[in-house]
């Protein structure tokens, strides 16, 4: 029995030191130098509802942008209620963006994110809305396209993730034009 218990205790201690002390300290140390905001995150980085035609639309939220209850809809892609909801979002988008073809609507503009609080959309989802905003604001579309490009956030270290656009920052910059 002693020959089994002592190695198990040693393995437990080594695992504890490695996984509870060394690994978190290494990740924290790397974040201090390489991560945005020194790994502290951005507490104001929660999606908001932008539905006015003069702004870029935000991604739909399954929780009405309530940060107290982050979750997805938990409806599968074959759920009739979910499909009806997505179809209604597509139709609403097309009413407000009549020059956009249905097939050109990026999925994130009609489907909620897993958290329901995602403040980002893809650059493609932003660019598909440029014509509507340019017409309403009477601004040259090339200026708005340049604004989207300026506010496009690159993947972390150029490797991890995809380019995104933070809508709050983009819509704030749009108001300053």
Foldseek 3Di string as FASTA:
>chain_A
DVVPVVVVVVVVVVCCCVVVPVVVVVVQVCLCPFNPPSPPDDPVQWAAADDDLLAQGFFAFPVNSDPVQWAFVPDDPVDPVLVVQLVVQLVVVCVLQVVDDSVQQDSRNRGADGRRTHQKDALSNRLSSLVSNCVVVVHPSVVLNVLSVVQWDAARVNPHDHIIGRRVVSRVVSVVD
